[in-house]
Amino acid sequence: MRSGIYSTKAMVKTFKTLDEQINILQSKGLFIPDIEYAKEILLRENYFFVSGYRLLFMESVTNKNFLPGANFNELYAMFHFDRHIRNIIFKNILIIENNVKSIIAYNLSKRYGYREKKYLAVKNFTDDKRKRKQVEDLLRKMKRQIRINGSQHQATVHYQEKYGYIPLWIVVKILSFGIVSELYQILKVEDQKSIADDFHITSDVLSVYLPILANFRNLCAHEDILYEHHTHRDIEDTKYHELLNIPKVDDEYIYGKHDVFALVIILKQLLRKDDFFLMMNELEYEIQLLTGALKTISIQKVLDAMGFPLNYERIVNL
C-alpha cells in the first residue's frame, strides 16, 4: 500500500485467531519466548488491551516495529503495571468520592433540611440565569437516579418505607460521582465555599478537580489504559509544581498539569496525609517491580509518559 493511501477494504478489522495474533506481533519484531504462555495471556486479557502498551516499545510513532530485543514479557509487565496502579488510584479516588459526598450531604442538609422536597428545591441552587437549564436538568437526573436506584439499596428502601423520605446523606450513596461533580457546579457560591473549606482549597480549584476525578474514576472502573491518560483541562499551578522544580517550556510546567501526576497532585491535596502516604508507597512498589522487568526501555520512559518528574517521591513530604 502506498504511503498516505488507505482503502476502505484495508481499514476493515477482521477476527484474528491466537496464532494470527502471535504472528502479527512477531512480524513487527517482538520476541516471544513462550508461545503457549503468550497465547494464554492474549486469550484471557484481550489482544487489543495488551497491544495497547506497544507504543512504548516501538521504534517511533511512524515506524511501528518493536525496538530490537523487545519481548512479550516486557509488554505484559507493562500491562500488569498499569492494571495495578489503576487499582491503587481507583481505591483512593473512591475515598475522595465518599468524602465529597459526605461533606456535600452534611453541608446541604444542615442548611436546607433532610427531605427531598427541601434539599432539592430549585431555590437552593445558583440563581445564575446562564445555569438555569443546567440546574433543571441536573435535578431531573438526580430524581431519576433516586427513583431507579433507590429501590435497589437497602438503606434507601428502609428510609422510604419507614419515614416516607430519603435524606441526602443516604441519597448521595446512590448518585454517581459524575452527578455529584455536576451538583457542586450548580450550588450557591457560599455553599461551594463551605464545602471547599473542608478540603482546605478554594471553591474554584475544587470545581476543576471534581470533573477530573470523575473522569479518572470512570477510566479506572472500565479498566482503560491509565499511565498515558490526559485530561481535557489543565489543573492550576500549585506550590507542588514549584517545590518539585518541575521544568517549564514556554512558561508552562511540562509535568503535573493534565497527566497522571496532575491526579497525584490533586490526591495530595484531598486525601488525608496517612492515606496519601500509603498510596505513594504502593505506587513506588509497583514502579520498582516494573523497573526490574524492563530490559528494552528504561523506567524513566514510562514515568515521562505518566508525567512523573525525576523527584516525584518528594511530594510525600511536602
C-alpha atoms as a PDB file:
ATOM      1  CA  MET A   1       0.000   0.000   0.000  1.00  0.00           C
ATOM      2  CA  ARG A   2       1.308   3.429  -0.906  1.00  0.00           C
ATOM      3  CA  SER A   3       2.054   5.821   1.937  1.00  0.00           C
ATOM      4  CA  GLY A   4      -0.906   8.026   2.795  1.00  0.00           C
ATOM      5  CA  ILE A   5      -3.400   5.991   0.732  1.00  0.00           C
ATOM      6  CA  TYR A   6      -5.914   3.880   2.590  1.00  0.00           C
ATOM      7  CA  SER A   7      -8.614   1.765   1.074  1.00  0.00           C
ATOM      8  CA  THR A   8     -11.867   1.079   2.838  1.00  0.00           C
ATOM      9  CA  LYS A   9     -11.156  -2.606   2.477  1.00  0.00           C
ATOM     10  CA  ALA A  10      -7.700  -2.287   4.041  1.00  0.00           C
ATOM     11  CA  MET A  11      -9.079  -0.484   7.108  1.00  0.00           C
ATOM     12  CA  VAL A  12     -11.595  -3.223   7.942  1.00  0.00           C
ATOM     13  CA  LYS A  13     -10.654  -5.072  11.123  1.00  0.00           C
ATOM     14  CA  THR A  14     -11.334  -8.807  10.992  1.00  0.00           C
ATOM     15  CA  PHE A  15     -11.216 -11.568  13.595  1.00  0.00           C
ATOM     16  CA  LYS A  16      -7.742 -12.951  14.225  1.00  0.00           C
ATOM     17  CA  THR A  17      -7.011 -16.319  15.798  1.00  0.00           C
ATOM     18  CA  LEU A  18      -4.486 -16.537  18.622  1.00  0.00           C
ATOM     19  CA  ASP A  19      -1.910 -17.887  16.171  1.00  0.00           C
ATOM     20  CA  GLU A  20      -2.547 -14.952  13.847  1.00  0.00           C
ATOM     21  CA  GLN A  21      -2.222 -12.508  16.744  1.00  0.00           C
ATOM     22  CA  ILE A  22       1.121 -14.075  17.650  1.00  0.00           C
ATOM     23  CA  ASN A  23       2.244 -13.815  14.025  1.00  0.00           C
ATOM     24  CA  ILE A  24       1.327 -10.114  13.890  1.00  0.00           C
ATOM     25  CA  LEU A  25       3.412  -9.358  16.991  1.00  0.00           C
ATOM     26  CA  GLN A  26       6.334 -11.406  15.709  1.00  0.00           C
ATOM     27  CA  SER A  27       6.169  -9.789  12.262  1.00  0.00           C
ATOM     28  CA  LYS A  28       6.702  -6.421  13.970  1.00  0.00           C
ATOM     29  CA  GLY A  29       9.836  -7.696  15.696  1.00  0.00           C
ATOM     30  CA  LEU A  30       8.509  -8.702  19.116  1.00  0.00           C
ATOM     31  CA  PHE A  31      10.363 -11.659  20.615  1.00  0.00           C
ATOM     32  CA  ILE A  32       8.003 -14.161  22.247  1.00  0.00           C
ATOM     33  CA  PRO A  33       9.986 -16.610  24.406  1.00  0.00           C
ATOM     34  CA  ASP A  34       6.997 -18.817  25.284  1.00  0.00           C
ATOM     35  CA  ILE A  35       4.344 -19.023  22.573  1.00  0.00           C
ATOM     36  CA  GLU A  36       1.808 -21.024  24.589  1.00  0.00           C
ATOM     37  CA  TYR A  37       2.104 -18.659  27.562  1.00  0.00           C
ATOM     38  CA  ALA A  38       1.620 -15.653  25.273  1.00  0.00           C
ATOM     39  CA  LYS A  39      -1.460 -17.240  23.691  1.00  0.00           C
ATOM     40  CA  GLU A  40      -2.969 -17.839  27.126  1.00  0.00           C
ATOM     41  CA  ILE A  41      -2.398 -14.196  28.074  1.00  0.00           C
ATOM     42  CA  LEU A  42      -3.868 -12.923  24.806  1.00  0.00           C
ATOM     43  CA  LEU A  43      -6.934 -15.140  25.292  1.00  0.00           C
ATOM     44  CA  ARG A  44      -7.519 -14.058  28.888  1.00  0.00           C
ATOM     45  CA  GLU A  45      -6.574 -10.395  28.645  1.00  0.00           C
ATOM     46  CA  ASN A  46      -7.567  -9.494  25.059  1.00  0.00           C
ATOM     47  CA  TYR A  47      -5.074  -8.726  22.292  1.00  0.00           C
ATOM     48  CA  PHE A  48      -6.393  -5.173  21.921  1.00  0.00           C
ATOM     49  CA  PHE A  49      -5.657  -4.242  25.542  1.00  0.00           C
ATOM     50  CA  VAL A  50      -2.288  -5.971  25.782  1.00  0.00           C
ATOM     51  CA  SER A  51      -1.094  -4.469  22.493  1.00  0.00           C
ATOM     52  CA  GLY A  52      -2.284  -1.059  23.740  1.00  0.00           C
ATOM     53  CA  TYR A  53       1.049  -0.762  25.561  1.00  0.00           C
ATOM     54  CA  ARG A  54       3.158  -1.462  22.489  1.00  0.00           C
ATOM     55  CA  LEU A  55       3.912   2.190  21.646  1.00  0.00           C
ATOM     56  CA  LEU A  56       6.445   2.386  24.473  1.00  0.00           C
ATOM     57  CA  PHE A  57       8.395  -0.425  22.853  1.00  0.00           C
ATOM     58  CA  MET A  58       8.207   0.749  19.242  1.00  0.00           C
ATOM     59  CA  GLU A  59      10.980   2.473  17.351  1.00  0.00           C
ATOM     60  CA  SER A  60       8.864   5.560  16.622  1.00  0.00           C
ATOM     61  CA  VAL A  61       5.327   6.752  16.047  1.00  0.00           C
ATOM     62  CA  THR A  62       5.765   6.271  12.304  1.00  0.00           C
ATOM     63  CA  ASN A  63       7.939   3.137  12.423  1.00  0.00           C
ATOM     64  CA  LYS A  64       5.758   0.720  14.330  1.00  0.00           C
ATOM     65  CA  ASN A  65       8.281  -2.074  14.537  1.00  0.00           C
ATOM     66  CA  PHE A  66       9.342  -3.076  18.025  1.00  0.00           C
ATOM     67  CA  LEU A  67      12.707  -1.957  19.370  1.00  0.00           C
ATOM     68  CA  PRO A  68      15.481  -4.538  18.966  1.00  0.00           C
ATOM     69  CA  GLY A  69      15.292  -7.028  21.821  1.00  0.00           C
ATOM     70  CA  ALA A  70      11.752  -6.112  22.895  1.00  0.00           C
ATOM     71  CA  ASN A  71       9.959  -9.169  24.202  1.00  0.00           C
ATOM     72  CA  PHE A  72       6.430 -10.183  25.110  1.00  0.00           C
ATOM     73  CA  ASN A  73       7.214 -10.457  28.825  1.00  0.00           C
ATOM     74  CA  GLU A  74       8.095  -6.746  28.959  1.00  0.00           C
ATOM     75  CA  LEU A  75       4.878  -5.860  27.169  1.00  0.00           C
ATOM     76  CA  TYR A  76       2.869  -7.941  29.609  1.00  0.00           C
ATOM     77  CA  ALA A  77       4.774  -6.476  32.575  1.00  0.00           C
ATOM     78  CA  MET A  78       3.697  -3.018  31.404  1.00  0.00           C
ATOM     79  CA  PHE A  79       0.104  -4.225  31.104  1.00  0.00           C
ATOM     80  CA  HIS A  80       0.310  -5.631  34.642  1.00  0.00           C
ATOM     81  CA  PHE A  81       1.865  -2.430  35.991  1.00  0.00           C
ATOM     82  CA  ASP A  82      -0.933  -0.315  34.548  1.00  0.00           C
ATOM     83  CA  ARG A  83      -3.561  -2.628  35.999  1.00  0.00           C
ATOM     84  CA  HIS A  84      -2.011  -2.449  39.471  1.00  0.00           C
ATOM     85  CA  ILE A  85      -1.552   1.329  39.569  1.00  0.00           C
ATOM     86  CA  ARG A  86      -5.091   1.692  38.187  1.00  0.00           C
ATOM     87  CA  ASN A  87      -6.400  -0.320  41.137  1.00  0.00           C
ATOM     88  CA  ILE A  88      -4.357   1.773  43.573  1.00  0.00           C
ATOM     89  CA  ILE A  89      -5.600   5.032  42.076  1.00  0.00           C
ATOM     90  CA  PHE A  90      -9.172   3.762  41.885  1.00  0.00           C
ATOM     91  CA  LYS A  91      -9.472   2.870  45.562  1.00  0.00           C
ATOM     92  CA  ASN A  92      -8.086   6.267  46.560  1.00  0.00           C
ATOM     93  CA  ILE A  93     -10.463   8.127  44.259  1.00  0.00           C
ATOM     94  CA  LEU A  94     -13.266   6.153  45.925  1.00  0.00           C
ATOM     95  CA  ILE A  95     -12.083   7.517  49.275  1.00  0.00           C
ATOM     96  CA  ILE A  96     -12.310  11.055  47.882  1.00  0.00           C
ATOM     97  CA  GLU A  97     -15.687  10.289  46.321  1.00  0.00           C
ATOM     98  CA  ASN A  98     -17.051   9.183  49.669  1.00  0.00           C
ATOM     99  CA  ASN A  99     -15.532  12.228  51.398  1.00  0.00           C
ATOM    100  CA  VAL A 100     -17.008  14.638  48.855  1.00  0.00           C
ATOM    101  CA  LYS A 101     -20.452  13.035  49.038  1.00  0.00           C
ATOM    102  CA  SER A 102     -20.415  13.069  52.831  1.00  0.00           C
ATOM    103  CA  ILE A 103     -19.293  16.694  53.110  1.00  0.00           C
ATOM    104  CA  ILE A 104     -21.795  17.894  50.498  1.00  0.00           C
ATOM    105  CA  ALA A 105     -24.615  15.999  52.217  1.00  0.00           C
ATOM    106  CA  TYR A 106     -23.672  17.398  55.621  1.00  0.00           C
ATOM    107  CA  ASN A 107     -23.446  20.998  54.461  1.00  0.00           C
ATOM    108  CA  LEU A 108     -26.622  20.997  52.366  1.00  0.00           C
ATOM    109  CA  SER A 109     -28.674  19.065  54.928  1.00  0.00           C
ATOM    110  CA  LYS A 110     -27.636  21.461  57.671  1.00  0.00           C
ATOM    111  CA  ARG A 111     -28.686  24.417  55.568  1.00  0.00           C
ATOM    112  CA  TYR A 112     -31.729  23.183  53.624  1.00  0.00           C
ATOM    113  CA  GLY A 113     -33.153  20.208  55.530  1.00  0.00           C
ATOM    114  CA  TYR A 114     -33.183  16.472  55.066  1.00  0.00           C
ATOM    115  CA  ARG A 115     -36.315  15.818  52.986  1.00  0.00           C
ATOM    116  CA  GLU A 116     -36.119  15.635  49.179  1.00  0.00           C
ATOM    117  CA  LYS A 117     -38.629  18.438  48.675  1.00  0.00           C
ATOM    118  CA  LYS A 118     -36.446  20.710  50.786  1.00  0.00           C
ATOM    119  CA  TYR A 119     -32.895  19.929  49.657  1.00  0.00           C
ATOM    120  CA  LEU A 120     -33.897  19.530  46.000  1.00  0.00           C
ATOM    121  CA  ALA A 121     -35.789  22.828  45.815  1.00  0.00           C
ATOM    122  CA  VAL A 122     -34.634  24.960  42.865  1.00  0.00           C
ATOM    123  CA  LYS A 123     -34.204  27.988  45.117  1.00  0.00           C
ATOM    124  CA  ASN A 124     -31.343  26.250  46.950  1.00  0.00           C
ATOM    125  CA  PHE A 125     -29.097  26.387  43.885  1.00  0.00           C
ATOM    126  CA  THR A 126     -27.337  29.092  41.927  1.00  0.00           C
ATOM    127  CA  ASP A 127     -29.514  31.934  40.657  1.00  0.00           C
ATOM    128  CA  ASP A 128     -27.158  32.483  37.718  1.00  0.00           C
ATOM    129  CA  LYS A 129     -29.545  32.689  34.769  1.00  0.00           C
ATOM    130  CA  ARG A 130     -26.930  31.137  32.485  1.00  0.00           C
ATOM    131  CA  LYS A 131     -27.089  27.967  34.589  1.00  0.00           C
ATOM    132  CA  ARG A 132     -30.862  27.744  34.928  1.00  0.00           C
ATOM    133  CA  LYS A 133     -31.218  24.937  32.415  1.00  0.00           C
ATOM    134  CA  GLN A 134     -28.237  23.126  33.936  1.00  0.00           C
ATOM    135  CA  VAL A 135     -29.925  23.281  37.353  1.00  0.00           C
ATOM    136  CA  GLU A 136     -33.218  21.950  35.991  1.00  0.00           C
ATOM    137  CA  ASP A 137     -31.514  19.175  34.028  1.00  0.00           C
ATOM    138  CA  LEU A 138     -29.375  18.055  36.949  1.00  0.00           C
ATOM    139  CA  LEU A 139     -32.243  17.996  39.426  1.00  0.00           C
ATOM    140  CA  ARG A 140     -34.150  15.886  36.923  1.00  0.00           C
ATOM    141  CA  LYS A 141     -31.169  13.497  36.671  1.00  0.00           C
ATOM    142  CA  MET A 142     -30.901  13.274  40.450  1.00  0.00           C
ATOM    143  CA  LYS A 143     -34.594  12.491  40.864  1.00  0.00           C
ATOM    144  CA  ARG A 144     -34.312   9.861  38.150  1.00  0.00           C
ATOM    145  CA  GLN A 145     -31.347   8.185  39.861  1.00  0.00           C
ATOM    146  CA  ILE A 146     -33.215   8.277  43.176  1.00  0.00           C
ATOM    147  CA  ARG A 147     -36.244   6.688  41.517  1.00  0.00           C
ATOM    148  CA  ILE A 148     -34.306   3.990  39.646  1.00  0.00           C
ATOM    149  CA  ASN A 149     -31.506   3.189  42.091  1.00  0.00           C
ATOM    150  CA  GLY A 150     -33.399   3.864  45.296  1.00  0.00           C
ATOM    151  CA  SER A 151     -35.297   0.579  45.140  1.00  0.00           C
ATOM    152  CA  GLN A 152     -32.049  -1.377  44.789  1.00  0.00           C
ATOM    153  CA  HIS A 153     -30.392  -0.259  48.036  1.00  0.00           C
ATOM    154  CA  GLN A 154     -31.410  -1.437  51.488  1.00  0.00           C
ATOM    155  CA  ALA A 155     -30.822   1.927  53.192  1.00  0.00           C
ATOM    156  CA  THR A 156     -32.919   3.930  50.712  1.00  0.00           C
ATOM    157  CA  VAL A 157     -35.741   1.386  50.829  1.00  0.00           C
ATOM    158  CA  HIS A 158     -35.632   1.432  54.652  1.00  0.00           C
ATOM    159  CA  TYR A 159     -35.929   5.234  54.877  1.00  0.00           C
ATOM    160  CA  GLN A 160     -38.611   5.412  52.217  1.00  0.00           C
ATOM    161  CA  GLU A 161     -40.756   2.717  53.811  1.00  0.00           C
ATOM    162  CA  LYS A 162     -40.270   3.734  57.453  1.00  0.00           C
ATOM    163  CA  TYR A 163     -40.074   7.545  57.215  1.00  0.00           C
ATOM    164  CA  GLY A 164     -41.507   8.381  53.801  1.00  0.00           C
ATOM    165  CA  TYR A 165     -38.395  10.246  52.618  1.00  0.00           C
ATOM    166  CA  ILE A 166     -34.725   9.640  51.806  1.00  0.00           C
ATOM    167  CA  PRO A 167     -32.266  12.075  53.447  1.00  0.00           C
ATOM    168  CA  LEU A 168     -29.445  13.496  51.358  1.00  0.00           C
ATOM    169  CA  TRP A 169     -26.762  11.635  53.316  1.00  0.00           C
ATOM    170  CA  ILE A 170     -28.383   8.406  52.050  1.00  0.00           C
ATOM    171  CA  VAL A 171     -29.179   9.714  48.559  1.00  0.00           C
ATOM    172  CA  VAL A 172     -25.547  10.584  47.802  1.00  0.00           C
ATOM    173  CA  LYS A 173     -24.679   6.891  48.135  1.00  0.00           C
ATOM    174  CA  ILE A 174     -26.716   6.074  45.032  1.00  0.00           C
ATOM    175  CA  LEU A 175     -25.627   9.094  42.971  1.00  0.00           C
ATOM    176  CA  SER A 176     -22.752   8.682  40.544  1.00  0.00           C
ATOM    177  CA  PHE A 177     -19.605  10.711  41.133  1.00  0.00           C
ATOM    178  CA  GLY A 178     -20.291  12.446  37.832  1.00  0.00           C
ATOM    179  CA  ILE A 179     -23.679  13.634  39.087  1.00  0.00           C
ATOM    180  CA  VAL A 180     -22.180  14.782  42.408  1.00  0.00           C
ATOM    181  CA  SER A 181     -19.477  16.657  40.490  1.00  0.00           C
ATOM    182  CA  GLU A 182     -22.164  18.411  38.442  1.00  0.00           C
ATOM    183  CA  LEU A 183     -24.116  19.114  41.612  1.00  0.00           C
ATOM    184  CA  TYR A 184     -21.201  21.040  43.081  1.00  0.00           C
ATOM    185  CA  GLN A 185     -21.040  23.240  39.976  1.00  0.00           C
ATOM    186  CA  ILE A 186     -24.631  24.496  40.453  1.00  0.00           C
ATOM    187  CA  LEU A 187     -24.509  25.176  44.181  1.00  0.00           C
ATOM    188  CA  LYS A 188     -24.674  28.685  45.549  1.00  0.00           C
ATOM    189  CA  VAL A 189     -21.278  30.346  45.910  1.00  0.00           C
ATOM    190  CA  GLU A 190     -21.446  30.294  49.695  1.00  0.00           C
ATOM    191  CA  ASP A 191     -22.224  26.561  49.708  1.00  0.00           C
ATOM    192  CA  GLN A 192     -19.369  25.821  47.318  1.00  0.00           C
ATOM    193  CA  LYS A 193     -17.016  27.760  49.560  1.00  0.00           C
ATOM    194  CA  SER A 194     -18.183  25.983  52.708  1.00  0.00           C
ATOM    195  CA  ILE A 195     -17.568  22.571  51.120  1.00  0.00           C
ATOM    196  CA  ALA A 196     -14.182  23.552  49.648  1.00  0.00           C
ATOM    197  CA  ASP A 197     -13.093  24.940  53.022  1.00  0.00           C
ATOM    198  CA  ASP A 198     -13.380  21.441  54.475  1.00  0.00           C
ATOM    199  CA  PHE A 199     -10.718  20.356  51.963  1.00  0.00           C
ATOM    200  CA  HIS A 200      -8.615  23.479  52.626  1.00  0.00           C
ATOM    201  CA  ILE A 201      -8.752  24.593  48.984  1.00  0.00           C
ATOM    202  CA  THR A 202     -10.706  27.250  47.111  1.00  0.00           C
ATOM    203  CA  SER A 203     -14.075  26.570  45.534  1.00  0.00           C
ATOM    204  CA  ASP A 204     -12.686  27.442  42.081  1.00  0.00           C
ATOM    205  CA  VAL A 205      -9.993  24.792  42.459  1.00  0.00           C
ATOM    206  CA  LEU A 206     -12.460  22.163  43.700  1.00  0.00           C
ATOM    207  CA  SER A 207     -14.712  22.955  40.729  1.00  0.00           C
ATOM    208  CA  VAL A 208     -11.838  21.970  38.433  1.00  0.00           C
ATOM    209  CA  TYR A 209     -10.752  18.934  40.449  1.00  0.00           C
ATOM    210  CA  LEU A 210     -14.101  17.152  40.720  1.00  0.00           C
ATOM    211  CA  PRO A 211     -14.705  16.547  36.972  1.00  0.00           C
ATOM    212  CA  ILE A 212     -11.093  15.392  36.600  1.00  0.00           C
ATOM    213  CA  LEU A 213     -11.538  12.924  39.449  1.00  0.00           C
ATOM    214  CA  ALA A 214     -14.808  11.697  37.958  1.00  0.00           C
ATOM    215  CA  ASN A 215     -13.052  11.225  34.609  1.00  0.00           C
ATOM    216  CA  PHE A 216     -10.215   9.195  36.127  1.00  0.00           C
ATOM    217  CA  ARG A 217     -12.680   7.218  38.248  1.00  0.00           C
ATOM    218  CA  ASN A 218     -14.623   6.113  35.185  1.00  0.00           C
ATOM    219  CA  LEU A 219     -11.420   5.249  33.334  1.00  0.00           C
ATOM    220  CA  CYS A 220     -10.276   3.063  36.223  1.00  0.00           C
ATOM    221  CA  ALA A 221     -13.675   1.431  36.660  1.00  0.00           C
ATOM    222  CA  HIS A 222     -13.728   0.428  32.985  1.00  0.00           C
ATOM    223  CA  GLU A 223     -10.093  -0.763  33.024  1.00  0.00           C
ATOM    224  CA  ASP A 224      -8.932   1.608  30.315  1.00  0.00           C
ATOM    225  CA  ILE A 225      -5.244   2.432  29.916  1.00  0.00           C
ATOM    226  CA  LEU A 226      -4.221   4.779  32.722  1.00  0.00           C
ATOM    227  CA  TYR A 227      -0.498   5.557  32.523  1.00  0.00           C
ATOM    228  CA  GLU A 228      -0.715   7.799  29.439  1.00  0.00           C
ATOM    229  CA  HIS A 229      -4.150   9.307  30.094  1.00  0.00           C
ATOM    230  CA  HIS A 230      -4.504  13.069  29.733  1.00  0.00           C
ATOM    231  CA  THR A 231      -7.438  15.171  30.868  1.00  0.00           C
ATOM    232  CA  HIS A 232      -9.071  17.789  28.676  1.00  0.00           C
ATOM    233  CA  ARG A 233      -8.483  20.514  31.252  1.00  0.00           C
ATOM    234  CA  ASP A 234      -5.261  21.524  32.986  1.00  0.00           C
ATOM    235  CA  ILE A 235      -5.127  21.979  36.727  1.00  0.00           C
ATOM    236  CA  GLU A 236      -3.879  25.288  38.067  1.00  0.00           C
ATOM    237  CA  ASP A 237      -0.229  25.691  39.024  1.00  0.00           C
ATOM    238  CA  THR A 238       0.296  24.643  42.636  1.00  0.00           C
ATOM    239  CA  LYS A 239       3.012  25.004  45.208  1.00  0.00           C
ATOM    240  CA  TYR A 240       3.984  21.403  44.441  1.00  0.00           C
ATOM    241  CA  HIS A 241       4.960  22.282  40.877  1.00  0.00           C
ATOM    242  CA  GLU A 242       7.287  24.944  42.253  1.00  0.00           C
ATOM    243  CA  LEU A 243       8.671  22.948  45.193  1.00  0.00           C
ATOM    244  CA  LEU A 244       9.497  19.996  42.939  1.00  0.00           C
ATOM    245  CA  ASN A 245      11.225  22.343  40.482  1.00  0.00           C
ATOM    246  CA  ILE A 246       9.244  20.885  37.599  1.00  0.00           C
ATOM    247  CA  PRO A 247      10.721  22.169  34.306  1.00  0.00           C
ATOM    248  CA  LYS A 248       8.847  24.652  32.153  1.00  0.00           C
ATOM    249  CA  VAL A 249       8.514  25.154  28.405  1.00  0.00           C
ATOM    250  CA  ASP A 250       7.103  28.494  27.228  1.00  0.00           C
ATOM    251  CA  ASP A 251       6.417  29.286  30.898  1.00  0.00           C
ATOM    252  CA  GLU A 252       4.225  26.179  31.262  1.00  0.00           C
ATOM    253  CA  TYR A 253       5.071  23.250  33.533  1.00  0.00           C
ATOM    254  CA  ILE A 254       5.705  20.138  31.452  1.00  0.00           C
ATOM    255  CA  TYR A 255       4.513  17.705  34.142  1.00  0.00           C
ATOM    256  CA  GLY A 256       1.586  17.653  36.537  1.00  0.00           C
ATOM    257  CA  LYS A 257      -0.895  19.686  34.521  1.00  0.00           C
ATOM    258  CA  HIS A 258      -3.165  17.195  32.731  1.00  0.00           C
ATOM    259  CA  ASP A 259      -1.440  13.843  33.217  1.00  0.00           C
ATOM    260  CA  VAL A 260      -1.388  11.135  35.888  1.00  0.00           C
ATOM    261  CA  PHE A 261       0.925  13.236  38.047  1.00  0.00           C
ATOM    262  CA  ALA A 262      -1.673  16.020  37.957  1.00  0.00           C
ATOM    263  CA  LEU A 263      -4.027  13.480  39.509  1.00  0.00           C
ATOM    264  CA  VAL A 264      -1.381  12.681  42.147  1.00  0.00           C
ATOM    265  CA  ILE A 265      -1.197  16.416  42.965  1.00  0.00           C
ATOM    266  CA  ILE A 266      -4.987  16.514  43.325  1.00  0.00           C
ATOM    267  CA  LEU A 267      -4.966  13.491  45.618  1.00  0.00           C
ATOM    268  CA  LYS A 268      -2.152  15.046  47.650  1.00  0.00           C
ATOM    269  CA  GLN A 269      -4.467  17.946  48.451  1.00  0.00           C
ATOM    270  CA  LEU A 270      -7.677  15.990  49.054  1.00  0.00           C
ATOM    271  CA  LEU A 271      -6.606  12.781  50.770  1.00  0.00           C
ATOM    272  CA  ARG A 272      -5.718  12.571  54.423  1.00  0.00           C
ATOM    273  CA  LYS A 273      -1.953  12.548  54.947  1.00  0.00           C
ATOM    274  CA  ASP A 274      -1.840   8.884  56.018  1.00  0.00           C
ATOM    275  CA  ASP A 275      -3.896   7.750  53.009  1.00  0.00           C
ATOM    276  CA  PHE A 276      -1.686   9.656  50.585  1.00  0.00           C
ATOM    277  CA  PHE A 277       1.467   8.246  52.175  1.00  0.00           C
ATOM    278  CA  LEU A 278       0.131   4.711  51.794  1.00  0.00           C
ATOM    279  CA  MET A 279      -0.899   5.336  48.195  1.00  0.00           C
ATOM    280  CA  MET A 280       2.534   6.625  47.222  1.00  0.00           C
ATOM    281  CA  ASN A 281       4.212   3.657  48.914  1.00  0.00           C
ATOM    282  CA  GLU A 282       2.049   1.304  46.874  1.00  0.00           C
ATOM    283  CA  LEU A 283       2.784   3.168  43.647  1.00  0.00           C
ATOM    284  CA  GLU A 284       6.515   3.142  44.389  1.00  0.00           C
ATOM    285  CA  TYR A 285       6.409  -0.619  44.941  1.00  0.00           C
ATOM    286  CA  GLU A 286       4.815  -1.137  41.517  1.00  0.00           C
ATOM    287  CA  ILE A 287       7.335   1.211  39.884  1.00  0.00           C
ATOM    288  CA  GLN A 288      10.207  -0.775  41.375  1.00  0.00           C
ATOM    289  CA  LEU A 289       8.702  -4.060  40.183  1.00  0.00           C
ATOM    290  CA  LEU A 290       8.351  -2.715  36.653  1.00  0.00           C
ATOM    291  CA  THR A 291      11.902  -1.338  36.747  1.00  0.00           C
ATOM    292  CA  GLY A 292      13.199  -4.861  37.289  1.00  0.00           C
ATOM    293  CA  ALA A 293      11.076  -6.271  34.456  1.00  0.00           C
ATOM    294  CA  LEU A 294      12.083  -3.757  31.775  1.00  0.00           C
ATOM    295  CA  LYS A 295      15.065  -4.545  29.578  1.00  0.00           C
ATOM    296  CA  THR A 296      14.486  -2.701  26.294  1.00  0.00           C
ATOM    297  CA  ILE A 297      13.351   0.641  27.688  1.00  0.00           C
ATOM    298  CA  SER A 298      14.079   2.496  30.915  1.00  0.00           C
ATOM    299  CA  ILE A 299      11.549   3.127  33.667  1.00  0.00           C
ATOM    300  CA  GLN A 300      12.014   6.845  33.019  1.00  0.00           C
ATOM    301  CA  LYS A 301      10.296   6.456  29.649  1.00  0.00           C
ATOM    302  CA  VAL A 302       7.223   5.156  31.465  1.00  0.00           C
ATOM    303  CA  LEU A 303       7.390   7.854  34.140  1.00  0.00           C
ATOM    304  CA  ASP A 304       7.675  10.536  31.443  1.00  0.00           C
ATOM    305  CA  ALA A 305       4.503   9.221  29.846  1.00  0.00           C
ATOM    306  CA  MET A 306       2.805   9.446  33.255  1.00  0.00           C
ATOM    307  CA  GLY A 307       4.075  12.986  33.815  1.00  0.00           C
ATOM    308  CA  PHE A 308       6.171  11.994  36.841  1.00  0.00           C
ATOM    309  CA  PRO A 309       9.222  14.222  37.405  1.00  0.00           C
ATOM    310  CA  LEU A 310      12.527  12.648  38.436  1.00  0.00           C
ATOM    311  CA  ASN A 311      11.986  13.608  42.081  1.00  0.00           C
ATOM    312  CA  TYR A 312       8.291  12.660  42.249  1.00  0.00           C
ATOM    313  CA  GLU A 313       8.790  10.837  45.592  1.00  0.00           C
ATOM    314  CA  ARG A 314       9.433  14.155  47.341  1.00  0.00           C
ATOM    315  CA  ILE A 315       5.777  15.119  47.080  1.00  0.00           C
ATOM    316  CA  VAL A 316       5.011  12.797  50.015  1.00  0.00           C
ATOM    317  CA  ASN A 317       6.881  15.042  52.462  1.00  0.00           C
ATOM    318  CA  LEU A 318       5.934  18.451  51.026  1.00  0.00           C
END
